Amino acid sequence: MRFDVSIETSKRMAGGLGRTRPPANGSTLHAETGFLRHPTMNPALIFARTALLALAVLSASGAPLDDLYKHGPDSLPQPGVPQGQVSAWRKLPSEAYPGTLHDYCVYVPAQYDAAKPTALMIFQDGQAFLRPTGDYRAPTVFDNLIHRREIPVTLVVFINPGRKPEQPEASASDWGDRSGNRPQEYNALDDKYARVIVDELLPVLNQEFNLSQDPNDRAIGGASSGAIAAFTVAWHRPDQFRKVHSAIGSYVNLRGGHVYPDLIRQSPKKPIRIFLQDGMSDNRGVRGQGENATYNAERDWYAQNRKMVAALTEKGYDVNYTWGIGTHSSKQAGVILPEMLRWLWRDYPRLPDDPRDPGNRGFFTVPGSAAANVPTSSKP
């Protein structure tokens, strides 16, 4: 069973409330939330009350819903953790979309060993996932998780939507919707963007890096339209990508994405693992106010994400999800990126476990690694 307010959110919202009160009537302190739990109380009721408390606190304070989510230590630089290198931005000409190019850069972890096939993850809207003080802070997250062996050594590509050479690069103020090719590439359900990733980007990466050719070692992700783009790549090419990260996914009728739940049910099951996140206050398809308000279910982000989960679950996909209370924002998704990655990579092949040998259980630090040889950008 999954709940609309995560355990970590519950902890943060608790803020110490009731923690010093001694249990009564046989009650115990709930191990995860810190709230009192009666021996006969349904766990679902505990989390429902936690959710109500969270909403009450927000209503009383007037704080924006997304401000609830705060980065944890996994998203912050930690002492002694080797830092990977991020390459300078590169330009990839496109044949799938003639006349356009894609800006991308590559994170190479400090533990990268060119003699060993390496896992790969690709983030759409790469500039958003790359920023060290942004919502996702992906390089720092990968530094920390790889260092603790919680995910495999992974090369991470940050790729922006296509643009014409004379158009500006995607940025925090314009992800490419106004100045680039983002709406067409990310929201359409055809295989053209999958061709960018598989036929144009992967060959270039394979020339430079020793990438694993096992699709189970490859993940692709994104936020909003970048999320549906990531899913579409895996949908068309599960022979290349079998792990999907989806944050506030736009499975709505921008360019037909609302049909995915029905398409999933009607199609043979594909070997895809996916973690979806969304907020209950995401765009809900309501236009206008009062009696004149109209509702378009095909443009309800939160409802469509729930429909995705229902369809994937019915077909037996390996699916996980979490519903927060946020808006169409990356705040929650950024905070839980470490947990989403841990879940996606939870069964990656590890070194043999020998109780007598602690070498495979310690921090993963490799001095003088190949990552030091990658040209870096002074302003990633």
Protein backbone atom coordinates (compact mmCIF):
# COMPACT_ATOMS: atom_id res chain seq x y z
CA MET A 1 0.00 0.00 0.00
CA ARG A 2 1.26 3.49 -0.83
CA PHE A 3 0.23 6.79 0.69
CA ASP A 4 -0.14 10.34 -0.59
CA VAL A 5 2.23 11.79 1.97
CA SER A 6 5.64 10.18 2.09
CA ILE A 7 7.32 8.96 5.26
CA GLU A 8 10.05 11.57 4.89
CA THR A 9 7.46 14.30 4.45
CA SER A 10 5.67 13.07 7.55
CA LYS A 11 8.89 13.28 9.53
CA ARG A 12 9.54 16.83 8.42
CA MET A 13 5.99 17.96 9.06
CA ALA A 14 6.03 16.36 12.50
CA GLY A 15 8.74 18.77 13.58
CA GLY A 16 8.88 17.19 17.01
CA LEU A 17 5.15 17.51 17.77
CA GLY A 18 4.11 15.04 20.45
CA ARG A 19 7.48 13.35 20.60
CA THR A 20 8.03 13.99 24.32
CA ARG A 21 4.57 12.90 25.42
CA PRO A 22 4.68 9.46 27.08
CA PRO A 23 2.59 6.81 25.32
CA ALA A 24 -0.69 5.92 27.00
CA ASN A 25 -3.23 3.08 26.80
CA GLY A 26 -0.76 0.67 25.31
CA SER A 27 0.18 3.03 22.48
CA THR A 28 3.65 3.10 20.95
CA LEU A 29 5.57 5.65 18.97
CA HIS A 30 5.30 4.99 15.24
CA ALA A 31 8.83 4.10 14.10
CA GLU A 32 8.71 6.19 10.93
CA THR A 33 6.59 9.26 11.72
CA GLY A 34 7.16 9.67 15.43
CA PHE A 35 3.39 9.94 16.07
CA LEU A 36 1.56 7.91 18.70
CA ARG A 37 0.13 4.66 17.38
CA HIS A 38 -2.56 2.72 19.18
CA PRO A 39 -2.10 -1.07 18.96
CA THR A 40 -5.38 -1.42 17.07
CA MET A 41 -5.00 1.63 14.83
CA ASN A 42 -4.92 1.05 11.07
CA PRO A 43 -1.57 2.22 9.60
CA ALA A 44 -3.46 3.90 6.76
CA LEU A 45 -5.31 6.02 9.32
CA ILE A 46 -2.00 7.10 10.81
CA PHE A 47 -0.81 8.43 7.49
CA ALA A 48 -4.19 9.97 6.69
CA ARG A 49 -4.02 11.92 9.94
CA THR A 50 -0.45 12.88 9.16
CA ALA A 51 -1.57 14.25 5.80
CA LEU A 52 -4.33 16.27 7.46
CA LEU A 53 -1.84 17.66 9.96
CA ALA A 54 0.49 18.65 7.13
CA LEU A 55 -2.31 20.48 5.35
CA ALA A 56 -3.38 22.16 8.57
CA VAL A 57 0.13 23.41 9.23
CA LEU A 58 0.39 24.78 5.71
CA SER A 59 -3.00 26.47 5.93
CA ALA A 60 -2.13 28.06 9.25
CA SER A 61 1.21 29.37 8.06
CA GLY A 62 0.12 30.37 4.58
CA ALA A 63 3.35 28.88 3.19
CA PRO A 64 3.32 27.81 -0.47
CA LEU A 65 2.73 24.10 -0.81
CA ASP A 66 6.05 23.43 -2.51
CA ASP A 67 8.06 25.08 0.26
CA LEU A 68 7.30 22.03 2.38
CA TYR A 69 9.98 20.02 0.63
CA LYS A 70 13.57 20.53 1.79
CA HIS A 71 16.72 18.87 0.50
CA GLY A 72 18.32 16.24 2.69
CA PRO A 73 21.99 15.28 3.06
CA ASP A 74 21.94 13.11 -0.08
CA SER A 75 21.48 16.28 -2.16
CA LEU A 76 24.27 18.25 -0.46
CA PRO A 77 28.05 17.96 -0.86
CA GLN A 78 29.47 15.77 1.89
CA PRO A 79 33.01 15.75 3.30
CA GLY A 80 35.23 13.03 1.88
CA VAL A 81 32.92 12.17 -1.03
CA PRO A 82 34.78 12.16 -4.37
CA GLN A 83 33.22 14.52 -6.87
CA GLY A 84 32.67 13.48 -10.44
CA GLN A 85 33.45 15.78 -13.34
CA VAL A 86 30.95 17.42 -15.68
CA SER A 87 32.12 17.95 -19.23
CA ALA A 88 31.79 21.15 -21.19
CA TRP A 89 28.53 21.53 -23.11
CA ARG A 90 28.61 19.81 -26.49
CA LYS A 91 26.43 20.12 -29.58
CA LEU A 92 24.79 17.12 -31.24
CA PRO A 93 23.40 17.73 -34.76
CA SER A 94 20.09 15.99 -35.36
CA GLU A 95 18.91 14.02 -38.36
CA ALA A 96 15.60 13.12 -36.75
CA TYR A 97 14.79 16.85 -36.55
CA PRO A 98 16.72 18.37 -39.50
CA GLY A 99 18.16 21.80 -38.90
CA THR A 100 18.30 21.42 -35.12
CA LEU A 101 20.93 20.44 -32.58
CA HIS A 102 20.90 19.23 -28.99
CA ASP A 103 23.12 20.63 -26.26
CA TYR A 104 24.36 18.00 -23.83
CA CYS A 105 27.06 17.39 -21.26
CA VAL A 106 28.27 14.31 -19.40
CA TYR A 107 28.83 13.65 -15.71
CA VAL A 108 31.64 11.16 -15.15
CA PRO A 109 31.82 9.81 -11.59
CA ALA A 110 35.17 9.71 -9.85
CA GLN A 111 34.88 5.91 -9.69
CA TYR A 112 34.52 5.48 -13.46
CA ASP A 113 36.83 2.76 -14.77
CA ALA A 114 37.19 2.72 -18.55
CA ALA A 115 38.01 -0.98 -18.38
CA LYS A 116 34.56 -1.84 -17.02
CA PRO A 117 31.15 -1.48 -18.71
CA THR A 118 29.31 1.33 -16.95
CA ALA A 119 25.66 2.11 -16.29
CA LEU A 120 24.03 5.09 -18.00
CA MET A 121 21.30 7.56 -17.12
CA ILE A 122 19.99 10.33 -19.38
CA PHE A 123 18.01 13.32 -18.10
CA GLN A 124 15.89 15.41 -20.46
CA ASP A 125 15.92 19.16 -19.76
CA GLY A 126 19.46 18.54 -18.65
CA GLN A 127 20.11 22.11 -17.54
CA ALA A 128 17.46 21.76 -14.82
CA PHE A 129 18.89 18.53 -13.41
CA LEU A 130 22.47 19.78 -13.57
CA ARG A 131 22.29 23.04 -11.61
CA PRO A 132 24.17 22.65 -8.30
CA THR A 133 21.71 24.85 -6.39
CA GLY A 134 18.60 23.86 -8.34
CA ASP A 135 15.84 21.45 -7.42
CA TYR A 136 17.56 18.22 -8.54
CA ARG A 137 21.32 18.72 -8.04
CA ALA A 138 21.90 15.44 -9.81
CA PRO A 139 25.73 15.42 -9.88
CA THR A 140 25.86 15.80 -6.10
CA VAL A 141 23.23 13.11 -5.62
CA PHE A 142 25.14 10.68 -7.83
CA ASP A 143 28.39 11.53 -6.03
CA ASN A 144 26.86 10.60 -2.68
CA LEU A 145 24.95 7.48 -3.73
CA ILE A 146 27.80 6.00 -5.77
CA HIS A 147 30.21 6.69 -2.91
CA ARG A 148 28.00 4.60 -0.61
CA ARG A 149 27.46 1.89 -3.26
CA GLU A 150 23.69 2.49 -3.18
CA ILE A 151 23.55 2.78 -6.96
CA PRO A 152 26.04 1.55 -9.57
CA VAL A 153 28.82 3.66 -11.01
CA THR A 154 26.81 5.61 -13.56
CA LEU A 155 27.59 8.01 -16.38
CA VAL A 156 24.90 10.69 -16.49
CA VAL A 157 24.01 12.66 -19.60
CA PHE A 158 22.18 15.98 -19.32
CA ILE A 159 20.56 16.78 -22.67
CA ASN A 160 18.45 19.80 -23.56
CA PRO A 161 15.65 19.82 -26.13
CA GLY A 162 16.57 20.58 -29.71
CA ARG A 163 16.99 24.09 -31.07
CA LYS A 164 18.11 25.79 -34.24
CA PRO A 165 21.68 27.13 -34.17
CA GLU A 166 20.46 30.72 -34.00
CA GLN A 167 18.12 30.02 -31.08
CA PRO A 168 19.30 30.45 -27.46
CA GLU A 169 20.28 27.51 -25.29
CA ALA A 170 17.70 26.23 -22.82
CA SER A 171 17.91 27.87 -19.41
CA ALA A 172 16.17 28.12 -16.06
CA SER A 173 13.92 30.87 -17.43
CA ASP A 174 13.10 29.08 -20.70
CA TRP A 175 13.45 25.31 -20.87
CA GLY A 176 12.93 25.47 -24.62
CA ASP A 177 9.15 25.77 -24.90
CA ARG A 178 9.31 29.30 -26.32
CA SER A 179 12.65 29.29 -28.11
CA GLY A 180 13.29 25.65 -29.02
CA ASN A 181 11.82 22.39 -30.19
CA ARG A 182 10.75 21.09 -26.76
CA PRO A 183 6.95 20.90 -27.30
CA GLN A 184 7.26 18.84 -30.46
CA GLU A 185 10.08 16.56 -29.33
CA TYR A 186 8.93 15.82 -25.80
CA ASN A 187 5.13 15.66 -26.04
CA ALA A 188 4.62 13.71 -29.26
CA LEU A 189 4.18 9.94 -28.98
CA ASP A 190 6.07 8.96 -32.14
CA ASP A 191 9.60 7.53 -32.12
CA LYS A 192 11.45 10.56 -33.50
CA TYR A 193 12.88 11.66 -30.14
CA ALA A 194 13.81 8.06 -29.34
CA ARG A 195 15.87 8.18 -32.53
CA VAL A 196 17.72 11.23 -31.19
CA ILE A 197 18.68 9.31 -28.06
CA VAL A 198 19.33 5.86 -29.52
CA ASP A 199 20.59 6.57 -33.04
CA GLU A 200 22.32 9.92 -32.57
CA LEU A 201 23.45 10.27 -28.95
CA LEU A 202 24.34 6.70 -27.95
CA PRO A 203 26.82 6.12 -30.81
CA VAL A 204 28.72 9.27 -29.79
CA LEU A 205 28.79 8.19 -26.15
CA ASN A 206 29.92 4.68 -27.06
CA GLN A 207 32.90 6.09 -28.91
CA GLU A 208 34.12 7.91 -25.80
CA PHE A 209 33.00 5.74 -22.89
CA ASN A 210 32.74 2.07 -22.04
CA LEU A 211 28.99 1.85 -21.61
CA SER A 212 27.14 -1.29 -20.64
CA GLN A 213 25.07 -2.60 -23.55
CA ASP A 214 22.57 -4.24 -21.18
CA PRO A 215 19.30 -2.23 -21.29
CA ASN A 216 18.78 -3.05 -17.62
CA ASP A 217 21.84 -0.89 -16.93
CA ARG A 218 20.27 2.13 -18.61
CA ALA A 219 17.80 4.64 -17.18
CA ILE A 220 16.15 7.70 -18.66
CA GLY A 221 14.24 10.42 -16.86
CA GLY A 222 12.81 13.89 -16.82
CA ALA A 223 10.23 16.29 -15.44
CA SER A 224 6.94 17.46 -16.90
CA SER A 225 7.17 17.10 -20.69
CA GLY A 226 10.66 15.67 -20.15
CA ALA A 227 9.07 12.84 -18.16
CA ILE A 228 6.69 11.77 -20.89
CA ALA A 229 9.58 12.07 -23.35
CA ALA A 230 11.64 9.70 -21.21
CA PHE A 231 8.78 7.23 -21.00
CA THR A 232 8.22 7.43 -24.75
CA VAL A 233 11.87 6.58 -25.41
CA ALA A 234 11.64 3.50 -23.18
CA TRP A 235 8.23 2.61 -24.66
CA HIS A 236 9.60 2.56 -28.20
CA ARG A 237 13.04 1.20 -27.33
CA PRO A 238 12.93 -1.10 -24.30
CA ASP A 239 15.79 -2.91 -25.98
CA GLN A 240 17.90 0.12 -24.99
CA PHE A 241 16.29 1.60 -21.83
CA ARG A 242 14.34 -0.23 -19.15
CA LYS A 243 14.34 2.19 -16.21
CA VAL A 244 12.28 5.40 -16.21
CA HIS A 245 12.28 8.34 -13.78
CA SER A 246 9.10 10.43 -14.11
CA ALA A 247 8.49 13.69 -12.20
CA ILE A 248 5.24 15.68 -12.63
CA GLY A 249 4.84 13.85 -15.93
CA SER A 250 2.77 15.49 -18.66
CA TYR A 251 0.70 12.44 -19.60
CA VAL A 252 -2.00 14.83 -20.76
CA ASN A 253 -3.43 16.01 -24.05
CA LEU A 254 -0.73 18.39 -25.15
CA ARG A 255 0.05 16.21 -28.15
CA GLY A 256 -1.94 13.10 -27.35
CA GLY A 257 -0.16 11.93 -24.17
CA HIS A 258 -3.49 11.30 -22.39
CA VAL A 259 -3.91 8.05 -24.37
CA TYR A 260 -0.98 6.31 -22.69
CA PRO A 261 -3.05 4.58 -19.96
CA ASP A 262 -5.28 2.96 -22.60
CA LEU A 263 -2.29 2.22 -24.82
CA ILE A 264 -0.52 0.48 -21.93
CA ARG A 265 -3.56 -1.72 -21.31
CA GLN A 266 -3.97 -2.57 -25.00
CA SER A 267 -0.30 -3.37 -25.69
CA PRO A 268 1.82 -6.35 -24.67
CA LYS A 269 3.70 -5.74 -21.44
CA LYS A 270 7.17 -4.28 -21.95
CA PRO A 271 10.20 -4.82 -19.66
CA ILE A 272 10.09 -1.32 -18.14
CA ARG A 273 10.55 -0.28 -14.51
CA ILE A 274 9.19 3.17 -13.65
CA PHE A 275 8.94 5.49 -10.64
CA LEU A 276 6.35 8.29 -10.99
CA GLN A 277 5.95 11.39 -8.81
CA ASP A 278 3.33 14.11 -8.91
CA GLY A 279 1.58 16.61 -6.66
CA MET A 280 -2.12 16.74 -5.91
CA SER A 281 -2.03 20.49 -6.62
CA ASP A 282 -0.51 20.03 -10.08
CA ASN A 283 -2.42 21.48 -13.05
CA ARG A 284 -5.91 20.01 -12.62
CA GLY A 285 -7.56 20.86 -15.94
CA VAL A 286 -9.90 23.46 -14.45
CA ARG A 287 -10.40 26.71 -16.35
CA GLY A 288 -12.33 29.66 -14.95
CA GLN A 289 -13.99 30.06 -11.57
CA GLY A 290 -17.33 29.47 -9.94
CA GLU A 291 -20.27 28.43 -12.07
CA ASN A 292 -18.36 29.24 -15.25
CA ALA A 293 -15.48 26.89 -14.44
CA THR A 294 -14.88 24.06 -16.89
CA TYR A 295 -12.99 20.83 -16.39
CA ASN A 296 -11.00 18.94 -18.99
CA ALA A 297 -9.98 15.51 -17.68
CA GLU A 298 -7.46 15.13 -20.50
CA ARG A 299 -5.53 18.12 -19.10
CA ASP A 300 -5.55 17.00 -15.45
CA TRP A 301 -1.91 16.21 -14.67
CA TYR A 302 -2.51 14.54 -11.30
CA ALA A 303 -5.45 12.44 -12.48
CA GLN A 304 -3.53 11.33 -15.57
CA ASN A 305 -0.52 10.29 -13.47
CA ARG A 306 -2.82 8.19 -11.30
CA LYS A 307 -4.29 6.64 -14.43
CA MET A 308 -0.78 5.79 -15.57
CA VAL A 309 -0.07 3.99 -12.31
CA ALA A 310 -3.38 2.11 -12.50
CA ALA A 311 -2.71 0.93 -16.05
CA LEU A 312 0.90 -0.03 -15.35
CA THR A 313 -0.14 -1.91 -12.23
CA GLU A 314 -2.91 -3.80 -14.02
CA LYS A 315 -0.44 -4.94 -16.69
CA GLY A 316 2.04 -6.11 -14.08
CA TYR A 317 4.76 -3.51 -14.63
CA ASP A 318 7.44 -2.89 -12.01
CA VAL A 319 6.04 0.47 -10.87
CA ASN A 320 6.44 2.73 -7.86
CA TYR A 321 4.93 6.13 -7.21
CA THR A 322 4.42 8.90 -4.70
CA TRP A 323 1.83 11.68 -4.58
CA GLY A 324 2.71 14.86 -2.72
CA ILE A 325 0.63 17.99 -2.22
CA GLY A 326 2.73 20.25 -4.42
CA THR A 327 2.03 22.10 -7.65
CA HIS A 328 3.57 21.68 -11.11
CA SER A 329 6.94 22.13 -9.50
CA SER A 330 10.15 20.12 -9.18
CA LYS A 331 10.49 20.83 -5.45
CA GLN A 332 9.26 17.45 -4.18
CA ALA A 333 10.76 15.52 -7.08
CA GLY A 334 14.13 17.14 -6.46
CA VAL A 335 14.08 16.30 -2.77
CA ILE A 336 13.22 12.64 -3.38
CA LEU A 337 15.53 12.13 -6.38
CA PRO A 338 17.95 10.06 -4.22
CA GLU A 339 15.16 7.72 -3.16
CA MET A 340 13.83 7.38 -6.70
CA LEU A 341 17.30 6.44 -7.91
CA ARG A 342 17.83 3.93 -5.12
CA TRP A 343 14.56 2.24 -6.02
CA LEU A 344 15.25 2.17 -9.77
CA TRP A 345 18.69 0.63 -9.21
CA ARG A 346 17.76 -1.48 -6.17
CA ASP A 347 18.87 -4.78 -7.70
CA TYR A 348 21.92 -3.70 -9.67
CA PRO A 349 24.61 -6.40 -9.80
CA ARG A 350 26.93 -5.94 -6.86
CA LEU A 351 30.25 -7.52 -6.07
CA PRO A 352 30.09 -10.89 -4.29
CA ASP A 353 29.31 -10.49 -0.60
CA ASP A 354 31.86 -12.13 1.66
CA PRO A 355 31.18 -11.72 5.39
CA ARG A 356 34.92 -12.04 5.99
CA ASP A 357 35.85 -9.32 3.48
CA PRO A 358 34.68 -5.77 4.33
CA GLY A 359 36.27 -4.39 1.15
CA ASN A 360 32.99 -4.45 -0.80
CA ARG A 361 31.00 -2.87 2.01
CA GLY A 362 32.98 0.32 2.51
CA PHE A 363 32.87 3.61 0.69
CA PHE A 364 33.62 3.43 -3.03
CA THR A 365 36.67 5.62 -3.50
CA VAL A 366 39.09 5.20 -6.39
CA PRO A 367 42.08 7.59 -6.40
CA GLY A 368 43.39 8.70 -9.78
CA SER A 369 40.30 7.65 -11.69
CA ALA A 370 39.60 8.24 -15.38
CA ALA A 371 37.14 11.00 -14.46
CA ALA A 372 40.05 13.39 -13.95
CA ASN A 373 40.84 13.24 -17.69
CA VAL A 374 37.50 14.62 -18.91
CA PRO A 375 37.60 18.28 -20.07
CA THR A 376 35.41 20.31 -17.72
CA SER A 377 33.36 23.43 -18.17
CA SER A 378 34.00 26.44 -15.98
CA LYS A 379 30.25 27.08 -15.99
CA PRO A 380 28.23 23.83 -16.32
